[in-house]
N, C-alpha and C. Protein backbone atom coordinates (compact mmCIF):
# COMPACT_ATOMS: atom_id res chain seq x y z
N UNK A 1 -5.78 -10.98 11.07
CA UNK A 1 -4.45 -11.51 10.90
C UNK A 1 -3.45 -10.43 11.32
N UNK A 2 -2.36 -10.85 11.89
CA UNK A 2 -1.32 -9.94 12.37
C UNK A 2 -0.59 -9.32 11.17
N UNK A 3 -0.25 -8.03 11.29
CA UNK A 3 0.40 -7.30 10.19
C UNK A 3 1.66 -8.00 9.69
N UNK A 4 2.47 -8.49 10.61
CA UNK A 4 3.72 -9.16 10.22
C UNK A 4 3.45 -10.37 9.33
N UNK A 5 2.40 -11.13 9.66
CA UNK A 5 2.03 -12.30 8.87
C UNK A 5 1.54 -11.89 7.48
N UNK A 6 0.72 -10.84 7.42
CA UNK A 6 0.24 -10.34 6.11
C UNK A 6 1.41 -9.92 5.24
N UNK A 7 2.37 -9.21 5.82
CA UNK A 7 3.54 -8.77 5.07
C UNK A 7 4.35 -9.97 4.60
N UNK A 8 4.49 -10.96 5.45
CA UNK A 8 5.22 -12.18 5.08
C UNK A 8 4.56 -12.89 3.90
N UNK A 9 3.24 -13.02 3.94
CA UNK A 9 2.50 -13.67 2.85
C UNK A 9 2.64 -12.88 1.56
N UNK A 10 2.46 -11.56 1.64
CA UNK A 10 2.58 -10.71 0.45
C UNK A 10 3.97 -10.85 -0.16
N UNK A 11 5.00 -10.86 0.66
CA UNK A 11 6.36 -11.01 0.15
C UNK A 11 6.58 -12.37 -0.49
N UNK A 12 6.12 -13.41 0.18
CA UNK A 12 6.30 -14.77 -0.34
C UNK A 12 5.61 -14.93 -1.70
N UNK A 13 4.43 -14.32 -1.84
CA UNK A 13 3.66 -14.43 -3.08
C UNK A 13 4.00 -13.32 -4.07
N UNK A 14 4.96 -12.48 -3.70
CA UNK A 14 5.40 -11.36 -4.55
C UNK A 14 4.23 -10.44 -4.93
N UNK A 15 3.46 -10.08 -3.92
CA UNK A 15 2.29 -9.22 -4.11
C UNK A 15 2.52 -7.87 -3.45
N UNK A 16 1.89 -6.87 -4.01
CA UNK A 16 1.89 -5.54 -3.41
C UNK A 16 0.71 -5.48 -2.45
N UNK A 17 0.98 -5.08 -1.23
CA UNK A 17 -0.04 -5.01 -0.19
C UNK A 17 -0.75 -3.67 -0.27
N UNK A 18 -2.07 -3.69 -0.29
CA UNK A 18 -2.88 -2.48 -0.31
C UNK A 18 -3.59 -2.38 1.03
N UNK A 19 -3.44 -1.24 1.70
CA UNK A 19 -3.94 -1.14 3.07
C UNK A 19 -4.34 0.29 3.44
N UNK A 20 -5.10 0.39 4.54
CA UNK A 20 -5.41 1.67 5.19
C UNK A 20 -4.64 1.78 6.50
N UNK A 21 -3.90 0.74 6.85
CA UNK A 21 -3.25 0.60 8.15
C UNK A 21 -1.85 1.21 8.15
N UNK A 22 -1.69 2.31 8.88
CA UNK A 22 -0.40 3.01 8.93
C UNK A 22 0.69 2.21 9.64
N UNK A 23 0.31 1.15 10.35
CA UNK A 23 1.30 0.31 11.03
C UNK A 23 2.29 -0.32 10.05
N UNK A 24 1.91 -0.46 8.80
CA UNK A 24 2.83 -1.03 7.83
C UNK A 24 4.01 -0.10 7.56
N UNK A 25 3.80 1.20 7.76
CA UNK A 25 4.91 2.14 7.67
C UNK A 25 5.91 1.88 8.78
N UNK A 26 5.40 1.60 9.97
CA UNK A 26 6.25 1.25 11.11
C UNK A 26 7.07 -0.01 10.81
N UNK A 27 6.41 -1.02 10.27
CA UNK A 27 7.11 -2.27 9.94
C UNK A 27 8.18 -2.05 8.89
N UNK A 28 7.85 -1.26 7.89
CA UNK A 28 8.75 -1.07 6.76
C UNK A 28 9.93 -0.17 7.09
N UNK A 29 9.68 0.95 7.74
CA UNK A 29 10.74 1.93 7.95
C UNK A 29 11.47 1.78 9.28
N UNK A 30 10.75 1.69 10.36
CA UNK A 30 11.42 1.60 11.67
C UNK A 30 12.00 0.23 11.93
N UNK A 31 11.27 -0.80 11.55
CA UNK A 31 11.76 -2.16 11.78
C UNK A 31 12.55 -2.68 10.58
N UNK A 32 12.60 -1.86 9.53
CA UNK A 32 13.36 -2.18 8.31
C UNK A 32 12.98 -3.54 7.73
N UNK A 33 11.66 -3.80 7.69
CA UNK A 33 11.18 -5.04 7.09
C UNK A 33 11.10 -4.84 5.59
N UNK A 34 11.55 -5.79 4.85
CA UNK A 34 11.53 -5.73 3.39
C UNK A 34 10.11 -6.01 2.91
N UNK A 35 9.70 -5.30 1.86
CA UNK A 35 8.38 -5.57 1.29
C UNK A 35 8.46 -5.58 -0.23
N UNK A 36 7.58 -6.36 -0.83
CA UNK A 36 7.46 -6.39 -2.28
C UNK A 36 6.87 -5.08 -2.77
N UNK A 37 6.15 -4.42 -1.88
CA UNK A 37 5.53 -3.14 -2.18
C UNK A 37 4.31 -2.95 -1.31
N UNK A 38 4.07 -1.73 -0.91
CA UNK A 38 2.90 -1.41 -0.09
C UNK A 38 2.27 -0.14 -0.65
N UNK A 39 0.95 -0.16 -0.78
CA UNK A 39 0.19 1.02 -1.14
C UNK A 39 -0.68 1.35 0.08
N UNK A 40 -0.41 2.49 0.68
CA UNK A 40 -1.13 2.93 1.88
C UNK A 40 -2.11 4.02 1.50
N UNK A 41 -3.39 3.80 1.80
CA UNK A 41 -4.42 4.81 1.56
C UNK A 41 -4.59 5.65 2.81
N UNK A 42 -4.32 6.94 2.70
CA UNK A 42 -4.56 7.91 3.77
C UNK A 42 -5.68 8.84 3.31
N UNK A 43 -6.85 8.29 3.21
CA UNK A 43 -8.03 9.00 2.71
C UNK A 43 -9.17 8.71 3.67
N UNK A 44 -9.24 9.48 4.75
CA UNK A 44 -10.26 9.26 5.78
C UNK A 44 -11.64 9.68 5.29
N UNK A 45 -12.62 8.93 5.74
CA UNK A 45 -14.00 9.30 5.50
C UNK A 45 -14.52 9.05 4.10
N UNK A 46 -13.74 8.40 3.27
CA UNK A 46 -14.20 8.12 1.90
C UNK A 46 -14.62 6.66 1.79
N UNK A 47 -15.56 6.41 0.90
CA UNK A 47 -16.04 5.05 0.73
C UNK A 47 -15.10 4.24 -0.19
N UNK A 48 -15.37 2.96 -0.28
CA UNK A 48 -14.53 2.06 -1.06
C UNK A 48 -14.50 2.41 -2.54
N UNK A 49 -15.61 2.86 -3.08
CA UNK A 49 -15.64 3.22 -4.51
C UNK A 49 -14.67 4.35 -4.83
N UNK A 50 -14.60 5.32 -3.96
CA UNK A 50 -13.67 6.43 -4.15
C UNK A 50 -12.22 5.92 -4.11
N UNK A 51 -11.94 5.05 -3.17
CA UNK A 51 -10.59 4.50 -3.05
C UNK A 51 -10.23 3.64 -4.26
N UNK A 52 -11.20 2.93 -4.79
CA UNK A 52 -10.96 2.14 -6.00
C UNK A 52 -10.62 3.05 -7.17
N UNK A 53 -11.33 4.17 -7.29
CA UNK A 53 -11.01 5.13 -8.37
C UNK A 53 -9.59 5.67 -8.21
N UNK A 54 -9.21 5.99 -6.97
CA UNK A 54 -7.83 6.46 -6.74
C UNK A 54 -6.82 5.38 -7.10
N UNK A 55 -7.11 4.14 -6.75
CA UNK A 55 -6.21 3.04 -7.07
C UNK A 55 -6.10 2.86 -8.58
N UNK A 56 -7.21 2.96 -9.29
CA UNK A 56 -7.19 2.85 -10.74
C UNK A 56 -6.30 3.93 -11.36
N UNK A 57 -6.43 5.16 -10.89
CA UNK A 57 -5.60 6.25 -11.39
C UNK A 57 -4.12 5.99 -11.11
N UNK A 58 -3.83 5.51 -9.90
CA UNK A 58 -2.45 5.20 -9.54
C UNK A 58 -1.88 4.13 -10.45
N UNK A 59 -2.63 3.06 -10.66
CA UNK A 59 -2.15 1.97 -11.50
C UNK A 59 -1.96 2.41 -12.94
N UNK A 60 -2.87 3.21 -13.45
CA UNK A 60 -2.72 3.69 -14.83
C UNK A 60 -1.48 4.56 -15.00
N UNK A 61 -1.19 5.36 -14.00
CA UNK A 61 -0.06 6.29 -14.10
C UNK A 61 1.28 5.67 -13.72
N UNK A 62 1.28 4.67 -12.83
CA UNK A 62 2.55 4.21 -12.26
C UNK A 62 2.68 2.70 -12.14
N UNK A 63 1.96 1.94 -12.92
CA UNK A 63 1.92 0.48 -12.75
C UNK A 63 3.31 -0.16 -12.70
N UNK A 64 4.24 0.33 -13.46
CA UNK A 64 5.58 -0.27 -13.52
C UNK A 64 6.53 0.28 -12.46
N UNK A 65 6.05 1.18 -11.61
CA UNK A 65 6.94 1.80 -10.63
C UNK A 65 6.48 1.59 -9.18
N UNK A 66 5.66 0.59 -8.93
CA UNK A 66 5.13 0.37 -7.58
C UNK A 66 5.84 -0.76 -6.84
N UNK A 67 6.34 -1.74 -7.56
CA UNK A 67 6.97 -2.89 -6.93
C UNK A 67 8.22 -2.46 -6.15
N UNK A 68 8.25 -2.85 -4.89
CA UNK A 68 9.40 -2.54 -4.05
C UNK A 68 9.34 -1.19 -3.35
N UNK A 69 8.25 -0.47 -3.53
CA UNK A 69 8.14 0.87 -2.94
C UNK A 69 6.99 0.94 -1.94
N UNK A 70 7.08 1.92 -1.07
CA UNK A 70 6.00 2.24 -0.13
C UNK A 70 5.32 3.48 -0.70
N UNK A 71 4.12 3.31 -1.19
CA UNK A 71 3.39 4.39 -1.86
C UNK A 71 2.23 4.85 -0.99
N UNK A 72 2.12 6.16 -0.79
CA UNK A 72 1.03 6.72 0.01
C UNK A 72 0.07 7.44 -0.93
N UNK A 73 -1.20 7.08 -0.84
CA UNK A 73 -2.23 7.69 -1.68
C UNK A 73 -3.07 8.61 -0.79
N UNK A 74 -3.16 9.87 -1.21
CA UNK A 74 -4.00 10.86 -0.52
C UNK A 74 -4.90 11.52 -1.54
N UNK A 75 -5.81 12.36 -1.07
CA UNK A 75 -6.65 13.12 -2.01
C UNK A 75 -5.81 14.02 -2.89
N UNK A 76 -4.75 14.56 -2.34
CA UNK A 76 -3.91 15.51 -3.08
C UNK A 76 -3.12 14.84 -4.20
N UNK A 77 -2.82 13.54 -4.06
CA UNK A 77 -2.08 12.83 -5.11
C UNK A 77 -2.87 12.76 -6.41
N UNK A 78 -4.16 12.54 -6.28
CA UNK A 78 -4.98 12.30 -7.46
C UNK A 78 -6.23 13.08 -7.33
């Protein structure tokens, strides 16, 4: 599915988009597309279980502060 369509669906359904795709940064900042929220994982070479653990830590620490923001998750964050 095209990134623009995914962003449109997430916004319509008021969902935070979770992705590994840096193109969403381009859509959000350069093209000034509005988003309900995006969580971008910049964690190369790690498996899904590791990313799920990072997501769990993020949600536990910041669940009420993610909506409407572009959040980047790296190894250094958590």
